[in-house]
Amino acid sequence: MFRIGFENIYSVEFWRYVVYVHGKGLRKFVSYAYFPPIIRVGSPTSPDCTKWRKRWTKHHSYTERKHAPYWWAEFWTLQLSEATSDCILQNWWQLITFINFAFSEEKLEQLHSSYRQLEMM
């Protein structure tokens, strides 16, 4: 998200509505709504999706207004590749397909390609 290495992060504090990240040259409060959903927590709800879309419309770039931040796809590509079992891989893919509105056609195809490649292994 911030494009800095773990070694440059001094502390991460979890507060009620935000996460505070303090690192080398970085002090940021980040809303939980900015983070992508993950497996092992409840599935995203309709209000969650509405909040994401509302947050995305605040971006300046037209393409970014319609979709999740670019790093969400990077995050999920990494999660797919680190899945330790077929069941976990399938759970990640189900989550991605549930919120496919968050991605451009190109990003969704990249994720699908990664999934198919891993599924064959």
C-alpha atoms as a PDB file:
ATOM      1  CA  MET A   1       0.000   0.000   0.000  1.00  0.00           C
ATOM      2  CA  PHE A   2       2.771   2.460   0.928  1.00  0.00           C
ATOM      3  CA  ARG A   3       5.488   0.763  -1.110  1.00  0.00           C
ATOM      4  CA  ILE A   4       7.983   0.583   1.744  1.00  0.00           C
ATOM      5  CA  GLY A   5       9.705  -2.511   3.098  1.00  0.00           C
ATOM      6  CA  PHE A   6       8.714  -4.165   6.361  1.00  0.00           C
ATOM      7  CA  GLU A   7      12.095  -3.256   7.816  1.00  0.00           C
ATOM      8  CA  ASN A   8      11.183   0.447   7.391  1.00  0.00           C
ATOM      9  CA  ILE A   9       7.947   0.156   9.394  1.00  0.00           C
ATOM     10  CA  TYR A  10       8.447   1.070  13.044  1.00  0.00           C
ATOM     11  CA  SER A  11       4.955   0.417  14.367  1.00  0.00           C
ATOM     12  CA  VAL A  12       1.394  -0.375  13.345  1.00  0.00           C
ATOM     13  CA  GLU A  13      -1.408   0.448  15.762  1.00  0.00           C
ATOM     14  CA  PHE A  14      -4.956  -0.791  15.341  1.00  0.00           C
ATOM     15  CA  TRP A  15      -7.526   1.712  16.581  1.00  0.00           C
ATOM     16  CA  ARG A  16     -11.289   1.550  16.499  1.00  0.00           C
ATOM     17  CA  TYR A  17     -11.857   3.014  13.036  1.00  0.00           C
ATOM     18  CA  VAL A  18      -8.361   3.387  11.629  1.00  0.00           C
ATOM     19  CA  VAL A  19      -4.915   1.857  11.477  1.00  0.00           C
ATOM     20  CA  TYR A  20      -1.948   4.092  12.329  1.00  0.00           C
ATOM     21  CA  VAL A  21       1.250   3.250  10.447  1.00  0.00           C
ATOM     22  CA  HIS A  22       4.539   4.830  11.491  1.00  0.00           C
ATOM     23  CA  GLY A  23       7.585   4.141   9.374  1.00  0.00           C
ATOM     24  CA  LYS A  24      10.658   5.703   7.875  1.00  0.00           C
ATOM     25  CA  GLY A  25       9.368   8.951   6.362  1.00  0.00           C
ATOM     26  CA  LEU A  26       5.770   7.849   6.914  1.00  0.00           C
ATOM     27  CA  ARG A  27       3.035   8.578   9.436  1.00  0.00           C
ATOM     28  CA  LYS A  28      -0.413   7.657   8.154  1.00  0.00           C
ATOM     29  CA  PHE A  29      -3.879   6.982   9.460  1.00  0.00           C
ATOM     30  CA  VAL A  30      -5.675   4.537   7.185  1.00  0.00           C
ATOM     31  CA  SER A  31      -9.343   3.624   7.336  1.00  0.00           C
ATOM     32  CA  TYR A  32     -10.151  -0.064   7.556  1.00  0.00           C
ATOM     33  CA  ALA A  33     -12.392   0.514   4.521  1.00  0.00           C
ATOM     34  CA  TYR A  34      -9.258   1.029   2.415  1.00  0.00           C
ATOM     35  CA  PHE A  35      -8.097  -2.555   2.985  1.00  0.00           C
ATOM     36  CA  PRO A  36      -9.244  -5.403   0.735  1.00  0.00           C
ATOM     37  CA  PRO A  37     -11.414  -8.132   2.242  1.00  0.00           C
ATOM     38  CA  ILE A  38      -9.731 -11.372   3.232  1.00  0.00           C
ATOM     39  CA  ILE A  39     -10.860 -14.928   3.843  1.00  0.00           C
ATOM     40  CA  ARG A  40     -11.127 -15.960   7.513  1.00  0.00           C
ATOM     41  CA  VAL A  41     -13.404 -12.996   8.239  1.00  0.00           C
ATOM     42  CA  GLY A  42     -17.031 -12.593   7.286  1.00  0.00           C
ATOM     43  CA  SER A  43     -17.841 -12.126   3.621  1.00  0.00           C
ATOM     44  CA  PRO A  44     -18.264  -8.547   2.452  1.00  0.00           C
ATOM     45  CA  THR A  45     -21.781  -7.224   2.838  1.00  0.00           C
ATOM     46  CA  SER A  46     -23.750  -4.944   0.564  1.00  0.00           C
ATOM     47  CA  PRO A  47     -22.970  -1.920   2.794  1.00  0.00           C
ATOM     48  CA  ASP A  48     -19.259  -2.812   2.592  1.00  0.00           C
ATOM     49  CA  CYS A  49     -19.404  -2.765  -1.200  1.00  0.00           C
ATOM     50  CA  THR A  50     -21.265   0.562  -1.147  1.00  0.00           C
ATOM     51  CA  LYS A  51     -18.618   2.093   1.134  1.00  0.00           C
ATOM     52  CA  TRP A  52     -15.797   0.891  -1.121  1.00  0.00           C
ATOM     53  CA  ARG A  53     -17.429   2.311  -4.223  1.00  0.00           C
ATOM     54  CA  LYS A  54     -18.077   5.611  -2.457  1.00  0.00           C
ATOM     55  CA  ARG A  55     -14.427   5.757  -1.384  1.00  0.00           C
ATOM     56  CA  TRP A  56     -13.207   4.936  -4.912  1.00  0.00           C
ATOM     57  CA  THR A  57     -15.267   7.751  -6.494  1.00  0.00           C
ATOM     58  CA  LYS A  58     -13.102  10.242  -4.584  1.00  0.00           C
ATOM     59  CA  HIS A  59     -10.065   9.374  -6.742  1.00  0.00           C
ATOM     60  CA  HIS A  60      -8.994  11.905  -9.344  1.00  0.00           C
ATOM     61  CA  SER A  61      -8.394   9.475 -12.192  1.00  0.00           C
ATOM     62  CA  TYR A  62     -11.500   8.292 -14.034  1.00  0.00           C
ATOM     63  CA  THR A  63     -10.338   4.667 -14.191  1.00  0.00           C
ATOM     64  CA  GLU A  64      -9.578   4.647 -10.462  1.00  0.00           C
ATOM     65  CA  ARG A  65     -13.054   5.984  -9.679  1.00  0.00           C
ATOM     66  CA  LYS A  66     -14.691   2.806 -10.881  1.00  0.00           C
ATOM     67  CA  HIS A  67     -12.392   0.193  -9.367  1.00  0.00           C
ATOM     68  CA  ALA A  68     -10.384  -0.804  -6.324  1.00  0.00           C
ATOM     69  CA  PRO A  69      -6.867   0.558  -5.840  1.00  0.00           C
ATOM     70  CA  TYR A  70      -4.319  -1.098  -8.145  1.00  0.00           C
ATOM     71  CA  TRP A  71      -2.603  -2.836  -5.240  1.00  0.00           C
ATOM     72  CA  TRP A  72      -5.710  -4.901  -4.381  1.00  0.00           C
ATOM     73  CA  ALA A  73      -5.031  -7.073  -7.449  1.00  0.00           C
ATOM     74  CA  GLU A  74      -1.367  -7.350  -6.441  1.00  0.00           C
ATOM     75  CA  PHE A  75      -2.447  -8.359  -2.934  1.00  0.00           C
ATOM     76  CA  TRP A  76      -4.766 -11.090  -4.210  1.00  0.00           C
ATOM     77  CA  THR A  77      -2.263 -12.397  -6.727  1.00  0.00           C
ATOM     78  CA  LEU A  78       0.121 -12.827  -3.813  1.00  0.00           C
ATOM     79  CA  GLN A  79      -2.559 -14.496  -1.666  1.00  0.00           C
ATOM     80  CA  LEU A  80      -3.387 -16.927  -4.460  1.00  0.00           C
ATOM     81  CA  SER A  81       0.266 -17.848  -4.900  1.00  0.00           C
ATOM     82  CA  GLU A  82       0.764 -18.358  -1.153  1.00  0.00           C
ATOM     83  CA  ALA A  83      -2.313 -20.567  -0.680  1.00  0.00           C
ATOM     84  CA  THR A  84      -1.213 -23.684   1.185  1.00  0.00           C
ATOM     85  CA  SER A  85      -4.043 -25.932  -0.013  1.00  0.00           C
ATOM     86  CA  ASP A  86      -6.578 -26.284  -2.793  1.00  0.00           C
ATOM     87  CA  CYS A  87      -9.328 -25.383  -0.332  1.00  0.00           C
ATOM     88  CA  ILE A  88      -7.663 -22.077   0.606  1.00  0.00           C
ATOM     89  CA  LEU A  89      -6.966 -21.322  -3.049  1.00  0.00           C
ATOM     90  CA  GLN A  90     -10.642 -21.948  -3.835  1.00  0.00           C
ATOM     91  CA  ASN A  91     -11.740 -19.701  -0.931  1.00  0.00           C
ATOM     92  CA  TRP A  92      -9.596 -16.830  -2.224  1.00  0.00           C
ATOM     93  CA  TRP A  93     -10.997 -17.278  -5.719  1.00  0.00           C
ATOM     94  CA  GLN A  94     -14.577 -17.306  -4.432  1.00  0.00           C
ATOM     95  CA  LEU A  95     -13.930 -14.027  -2.640  1.00  0.00           C
ATOM     96  CA  ILE A  96     -12.449 -12.482  -5.788  1.00  0.00           C
ATOM     97  CA  THR A  97     -15.426 -13.564  -7.904  1.00  0.00           C
ATOM     98  CA  PHE A  98     -17.808 -12.239  -5.241  1.00  0.00           C
ATOM     99  CA  ILE A  99     -16.361  -8.743  -5.586  1.00  0.00           C
ATOM    100  CA  ASN A 100     -15.404  -8.881  -9.259  1.00  0.00           C
ATOM    101  CA  PHE A 101     -16.993  -5.431  -9.740  1.00  0.00           C
ATOM    102  CA  ALA A 102     -13.889  -4.057  -8.012  1.00  0.00           C
ATOM    103  CA  PHE A 103     -11.611  -4.860 -10.935  1.00  0.00           C
ATOM    104  CA  SER A 104     -11.191  -3.746 -14.496  1.00  0.00           C
ATOM    105  CA  GLU A 105     -11.531  -6.457 -17.144  1.00  0.00           C
ATOM    106  CA  GLU A 106      -7.748  -6.517 -17.498  1.00  0.00           C
ATOM    107  CA  LYS A 107      -7.063  -6.977 -13.768  1.00  0.00           C
ATOM    108  CA  LEU A 108      -9.764  -9.612 -13.464  1.00  0.00           C
ATOM    109  CA  GLU A 109      -8.245 -11.540 -16.360  1.00  0.00           C
ATOM    110  CA  GLN A 110      -4.793 -11.340 -14.725  1.00  0.00           C
ATOM    111  CA  LEU A 111      -6.236 -12.727 -11.480  1.00  0.00           C
ATOM    112  CA  HIS A 112      -8.093 -15.460 -13.358  1.00  0.00           C
ATOM    113  CA  SER A 113      -4.920 -16.392 -15.213  1.00  0.00           C
ATOM    114  CA  SER A 114      -2.990 -16.638 -11.924  1.00  0.00           C
ATOM    115  CA  TYR A 115      -5.760 -18.766 -10.420  1.00  0.00           C
ATOM    116  CA  ARG A 116      -5.892 -21.158 -13.401  1.00  0.00           C
ATOM    117  CA  GLN A 117      -2.111 -21.532 -13.382  1.00  0.00           C
ATOM    118  CA  LEU A 118      -2.064 -22.351  -9.667  1.00  0.00           C
ATOM    119  CA  GLU A 119      -5.098 -24.623  -9.921  1.00  0.00           C
ATOM    120  CA  MET A 120      -3.245 -26.820 -12.428  1.00  0.00           C
ATOM    121  CA  MET A 121      -0.309 -27.354 -10.085  1.00  0.00           C
END
